[in-house]
Amino acid sequence: MQQNPASRTVKGLNIAILVLSVLCALSMVFCMGSTGLIQGYVNEHSDNIANAINEGIADGSINMSVSVDSEDAAKLAEVAQTLAATGNDDLANVANMLSGVAEGDVSSMLNFFSNVDATSLINMKNSVANMTDAQLQAIVDANPSVKLADLQELRAEAAGISDSDINTLYSFLGSDGNAVTATSTLVGLSFQMIFGFILVCAIITMIASIMAIRNADKPEKLGGAFVMAIVGAVAGAISGGLVRLVLHIVSAVYISKVRRTPQAPQYQQQEVQYPGVMQQ
């Protein structure tokens, strides 16, 4: 019996989908393995990487800058001015750091944490939190541009920061590599999840193509293949497989055409006997 042209088209389209899906799945397996190896290397050498970063920030060879929103920059500059007005040398260093961040220089913040230990920062925080109203008013009298309400707000914010918060911060910002390890783990897991999701979608499109290939000549069994073609198209779309998306849509159209094509009746050859004729 001659094969339906639409059935041949279904087979051809889904063979192409199957090849693309297998290549996609293999590439995702490779990417997941490579990501794990890179993450393992970074975690193993996190201390050396952290030291290199700290040295680069200290000598200025690593320049980190970002774009800061104008309102945020103005607020940071205002806080820096308020801290500088206290007359405390330690808080003046904090003010310089905030001024740099307000201008988009992130390296000034990292450099600050590299040069100031957790104990010193806790002492700075406590010195601000323990200021009396008289001390705040004296600062305002000496610096008319500073508002008493801003100082009181700064004192309340300092009081709300616990010592454990600062110690936790330094456990990730220190040169022991914890920051590098945490960042590497977070980024590695994120990529692994992305690659794993694309891999699952590739497996779905593989299953859909195999079902269509196996049943291309069996219209009565193409109902499931049609549904899987739609599912495969969705999987291709959400995983970025635009080629597979298009091929699955075209395949679904041809599968529907095969299902609607009337099948040629099957005749069984029967032996006809004539009266008076001897059978041999």
Protein backbone atom coordinates (compact mmCIF):
# COMPACT_ATOMS: atom_id res chain seq x y z
CA MET A 1 0.00 0.00 0.00
CA GLN A 2 1.35 3.47 -0.93
CA GLN A 3 2.23 5.68 2.01
CA ASN A 4 0.23 8.86 2.56
CA PRO A 5 2.38 11.94 1.59
CA ALA A 6 1.29 13.66 4.80
CA SER A 7 2.55 10.67 6.78
CA ARG A 8 5.96 10.97 5.11
CA THR A 9 6.02 14.65 6.00
CA VAL A 10 5.19 13.87 9.63
CA LYS A 11 8.06 11.38 9.77
CA GLY A 12 10.52 13.79 8.17
CA LEU A 13 9.59 16.68 10.45
CA ASN A 14 9.82 14.59 13.60
CA ILE A 15 13.13 13.01 12.61
CA ALA A 16 14.49 16.57 12.39
CA ILE A 17 12.93 17.38 15.79
CA LEU A 18 14.43 14.23 17.29
CA VAL A 19 17.92 15.08 16.03
CA LEU A 20 17.68 18.66 17.35
CA SER A 21 16.33 17.46 20.70
CA VAL A 22 19.13 14.92 21.14
CA LEU A 23 21.75 17.57 20.32
CA CYS A 24 20.11 20.00 22.76
CA ALA A 25 19.97 17.38 25.52
CA LEU A 26 23.63 16.42 25.04
CA SER A 27 24.70 20.07 25.08
CA MET A 28 22.77 20.68 28.31
CA VAL A 29 24.39 17.66 29.95
CA PHE A 30 27.78 19.03 28.89
CA CYS A 31 26.92 22.50 30.23
CA MET A 32 25.76 21.09 33.57
CA GLY A 33 28.94 19.07 33.92
CA SER A 34 31.14 22.03 32.98
CA THR A 35 29.33 24.28 35.44
CA GLY A 36 29.90 21.76 38.22
CA LEU A 37 33.61 21.53 37.41
CA ILE A 38 34.02 25.31 37.32
CA GLN A 39 32.09 25.71 40.57
CA GLY A 40 34.24 23.05 42.23
CA TYR A 41 37.45 24.75 41.08
CA VAL A 42 36.30 28.17 42.30
CA ASN A 43 35.24 26.79 45.68
CA GLU A 44 38.55 24.96 46.07
CA HIS A 45 40.58 28.10 45.33
CA SER A 46 38.17 30.62 46.90
CA ASP A 47 40.75 32.02 49.34
CA ASN A 48 43.24 32.77 46.56
CA ILE A 49 40.54 34.34 44.42
CA ALA A 50 39.30 36.47 47.32
CA ASN A 51 42.81 37.66 48.10
CA ALA A 52 43.42 38.56 44.48
CA ILE A 53 40.16 40.54 44.39
CA ASN A 54 40.99 42.36 47.62
CA GLU A 55 44.46 43.23 46.36
CA GLY A 56 43.03 44.47 43.09
CA ILE A 57 40.55 46.69 44.89
CA ALA A 58 43.25 48.01 47.25
CA ASP A 59 45.70 48.98 44.50
CA GLY A 60 42.97 50.31 42.22
CA SER A 61 43.53 47.80 39.43
CA ILE A 62 39.92 46.63 39.89
CA ASN A 63 37.55 49.51 39.36
CA MET A 64 33.91 48.71 40.07
CA SER A 65 31.30 51.31 39.20
CA VAL A 66 27.53 51.23 38.86
CA SER A 67 24.79 53.65 37.92
CA VAL A 68 23.06 54.98 41.05
CA ASP A 69 19.57 56.42 40.92
CA SER A 70 19.62 60.19 41.43
CA GLU A 71 17.31 60.04 44.47
CA ASP A 72 19.36 57.26 46.08
CA ALA A 73 22.56 59.14 45.34
CA ALA A 74 21.16 62.29 46.94
CA LYS A 75 20.10 60.31 50.04
CA LEU A 76 23.53 58.68 50.36
CA ALA A 77 25.24 62.04 49.97
CA GLU A 78 22.97 63.50 52.65
CA VAL A 79 23.80 60.66 55.06
CA ALA A 80 27.51 61.07 54.29
CA GLN A 81 27.28 64.77 55.05
CA THR A 82 25.48 64.02 58.32
CA LEU A 83 28.16 61.51 59.37
CA ALA A 84 30.97 63.86 58.46
CA ALA A 85 29.37 66.55 60.59
CA THR A 86 29.66 64.42 63.74
CA GLY A 87 33.38 65.16 63.94
CA ASN A 88 34.17 61.48 64.53
CA ASP A 89 37.15 60.37 62.44
CA ASP A 90 35.84 56.82 62.08
CA LEU A 91 32.44 58.05 60.95
CA ALA A 92 34.21 60.41 58.55
CA ASN A 93 35.66 57.31 56.86
CA VAL A 94 32.17 55.90 56.59
CA ALA A 95 31.06 59.21 55.10
CA ASN A 96 33.81 59.03 52.46
CA MET A 97 32.75 55.49 51.60
CA LEU A 98 29.10 56.51 51.21
CA SER A 99 30.11 59.49 49.08
CA GLY A 100 31.93 57.12 46.74
CA VAL A 101 28.93 54.80 46.53
CA ALA A 102 26.69 57.82 45.81
CA GLU A 103 28.91 58.54 42.80
CA GLY A 104 28.65 54.91 41.64
CA ASP A 105 32.07 53.75 42.87
CA VAL A 106 31.36 50.34 44.44
CA SER A 107 35.08 49.67 44.94
CA SER A 108 35.13 52.37 47.65
CA MET A 109 32.66 50.30 49.69
CA LEU A 110 34.58 47.05 49.18
CA ASN A 111 37.85 48.81 50.00
CA PHE A 112 36.28 50.18 53.19
CA PHE A 113 35.25 46.73 54.40
CA SER A 114 38.71 45.39 53.53
CA ASN A 115 40.40 48.00 55.74
CA VAL A 116 37.90 48.16 58.62
CA ASP A 117 37.29 45.07 60.72
CA ALA A 118 33.96 44.04 62.23
CA THR A 119 34.88 45.21 65.74
CA SER A 120 35.71 48.71 64.54
CA LEU A 121 32.47 48.97 62.61
CA ILE A 122 30.49 47.77 65.63
CA ASN A 123 32.15 50.48 67.72
CA MET A 124 31.23 53.09 65.10
CA LYS A 125 27.65 51.89 65.10
CA ASN A 126 27.45 51.97 68.90
CA SER A 127 28.95 55.47 69.04
CA VAL A 128 26.16 56.77 66.84
CA ALA A 129 23.42 54.75 68.56
CA ASN A 130 24.47 56.03 72.01
CA MET A 131 24.57 59.74 71.13
CA THR A 132 22.40 61.90 73.37
CA ASP A 133 20.05 64.60 72.16
CA ALA A 134 22.47 67.20 73.54
CA GLN A 135 25.31 65.79 71.44
CA LEU A 136 23.12 65.77 68.36
CA GLN A 137 22.06 69.37 69.00
CA ALA A 138 25.70 70.39 69.39
CA ILE A 139 26.44 68.92 65.97
CA VAL A 140 23.52 70.84 64.47
CA ASP A 141 24.71 74.09 66.13
CA ALA A 142 28.18 73.61 64.65
CA ASN A 143 26.80 72.63 61.22
CA PRO A 144 23.63 74.61 60.40
CA SER A 145 23.23 72.65 57.13
CA VAL A 146 22.60 69.43 59.11
CA LYS A 147 19.07 68.83 60.37
CA LEU A 148 18.41 67.46 63.85
CA ALA A 149 15.72 65.12 62.47
CA ASP A 150 18.29 63.54 60.12
CA LEU A 151 20.66 62.90 63.01
CA GLN A 152 17.90 61.40 65.12
CA GLU A 153 16.89 59.14 62.22
CA LEU A 154 20.52 58.07 61.77
CA ARG A 155 20.77 57.28 65.49
CA ALA A 156 17.59 55.16 65.34
CA GLU A 157 18.86 53.23 62.32
CA ALA A 158 22.19 52.57 64.02
CA ALA A 159 20.40 51.30 67.11
CA GLY A 160 18.41 48.90 64.95
CA ILE A 161 21.54 47.19 63.64
CA SER A 162 22.69 44.30 65.83
CA ASP A 163 26.28 43.21 66.33
CA SER A 164 25.43 39.81 64.87
CA ASP A 165 24.26 41.48 61.64
CA ILE A 166 27.67 43.09 61.20
CA ASN A 167 29.51 39.88 62.06
CA THR A 168 27.38 37.99 59.52
CA LEU A 169 28.18 40.63 56.93
CA TYR A 170 31.89 40.25 57.53
CA SER A 171 31.69 36.47 57.34
CA PHE A 172 30.87 36.98 53.65
CA LEU A 173 33.07 40.01 52.99
CA GLY A 174 36.25 38.76 54.60
CA SER A 175 39.29 37.46 52.73
CA ASP A 176 38.60 33.87 53.85
CA GLY A 177 36.83 33.16 50.57
CA ASN A 178 33.34 32.75 52.01
CA ALA A 179 32.01 35.46 49.72
CA VAL A 180 33.55 33.81 46.69
CA THR A 181 32.22 30.39 47.72
CA ALA A 182 28.71 31.73 48.40
CA THR A 183 28.61 33.61 45.10
CA SER A 184 29.99 30.62 43.18
CA THR A 185 27.41 28.30 44.74
CA LEU A 186 24.52 30.68 44.04
CA VAL A 187 25.53 31.30 40.44
CA GLY A 188 26.34 27.62 39.88
CA LEU A 189 22.96 26.46 41.19
CA SER A 190 21.18 29.07 39.10
CA PHE A 191 22.85 27.86 35.91
CA GLN A 192 22.31 24.22 36.85
CA MET A 193 18.58 24.89 37.25
CA ILE A 194 18.41 26.66 33.90
CA PHE A 195 20.31 23.91 32.10
CA GLY A 196 18.25 21.22 33.85
CA PHE A 197 15.00 22.91 32.82
CA ILE A 198 16.12 23.08 29.18
CA LEU A 199 17.17 19.41 29.40
CA VAL A 200 13.71 18.38 30.62
CA CYS A 201 12.09 20.34 27.78
CA ALA A 202 14.41 18.63 25.27
CA ILE A 203 13.39 15.21 26.63
CA ILE A 204 9.71 16.16 26.21
CA THR A 205 10.26 17.13 22.56
CA MET A 206 12.18 13.88 22.03
CA ILE A 207 9.24 11.84 23.36
CA ALA A 208 6.80 13.79 21.19
CA SER A 209 8.86 13.21 18.04
CA ILE A 210 9.29 9.48 18.74
CA MET A 211 5.53 9.05 19.21
CA ALA A 212 4.85 10.80 15.92
CA ILE A 213 7.47 8.77 14.02
CA ARG A 214 6.17 5.44 15.32
CA ASN A 215 2.52 6.19 14.54
CA ALA A 216 2.85 8.23 11.35
CA ASP A 217 1.25 5.41 9.34
CA LYS A 218 -1.42 4.69 11.94
CA PRO A 219 -4.00 7.49 11.92
CA GLU A 220 -6.04 5.81 14.64
CA LYS A 221 -3.07 6.13 17.04
CA LEU A 222 -2.07 9.71 16.18
CA GLY A 223 -4.33 11.31 18.79
CA GLY A 224 -1.68 11.06 21.48
CA ALA A 225 1.01 12.16 19.03
CA PHE A 226 -1.03 15.27 18.20
CA VAL A 227 -1.34 16.19 21.88
CA MET A 228 2.39 15.60 22.44
CA ALA A 229 3.18 17.76 19.40
CA ILE A 230 1.36 20.65 21.08
CA VAL A 231 3.12 19.92 24.39
CA GLY A 232 6.45 19.75 22.53
CA ALA A 233 5.77 23.10 20.89
CA VAL A 234 5.14 24.66 24.31
CA ALA A 235 8.29 23.03 25.71
CA GLY A 236 10.30 24.34 22.79
CA ALA A 237 8.90 27.85 23.24
CA ILE A 238 9.61 28.17 26.97
CA SER A 239 13.10 26.69 26.62
CA GLY A 240 14.16 28.92 23.75
CA GLY A 241 13.98 26.19 21.09
CA LEU A 242 12.31 28.29 18.42
CA VAL A 243 13.20 25.89 15.60
CA ARG A 244 11.65 22.97 17.48
CA LEU A 245 8.62 25.16 18.25
CA VAL A 246 8.01 25.81 14.55
CA LEU A 247 8.65 22.18 13.56
CA HIS A 248 6.25 20.89 16.22
CA ILE A 249 3.52 23.27 15.07
CA VAL A 250 3.96 22.19 11.44
CA SER A 251 4.05 18.57 12.58
CA ALA A 252 0.78 19.02 14.49
CA VAL A 253 -0.84 20.42 11.34
CA TYR A 254 0.24 17.44 9.26
CA ILE A 255 -0.70 14.96 11.99
CA SER A 256 -4.19 16.46 11.99
CA LYS A 257 -4.27 16.15 8.19
CA VAL A 258 -3.28 12.46 8.37
CA ARG A 259 -6.01 11.81 10.95
CA ARG A 260 -8.64 13.40 8.70
CA THR A 261 -7.50 11.61 5.53
CA PRO A 262 -9.94 8.81 4.70
CA GLN A 263 -8.27 5.44 4.57
CA ALA A 264 -8.53 3.31 1.45
CA PRO A 265 -10.78 0.28 2.06
CA GLN A 266 -8.98 -2.98 2.48
CA TYR A 267 -10.23 -5.83 0.27
CA GLN A 268 -9.59 -9.47 0.86
CA GLN A 269 -9.08 -11.62 -2.19
CA GLN A 270 -11.62 -14.42 -2.20
CA GLU A 271 -11.53 -17.58 -4.28
CA VAL A 272 -14.45 -17.80 -6.69
CA GLN A 273 -15.71 -21.23 -7.61
CA TYR A 274 -17.68 -21.90 -10.81
CA PRO A 275 -20.12 -24.81 -11.12
CA GLY A 276 -18.94 -27.64 -13.27
CA VAL A 277 -15.26 -26.68 -12.99
CA MET A 278 -13.11 -29.24 -11.32
CA GLN A 279 -10.68 -28.00 -8.73
CA GLN A 280 -7.16 -29.28 -9.02
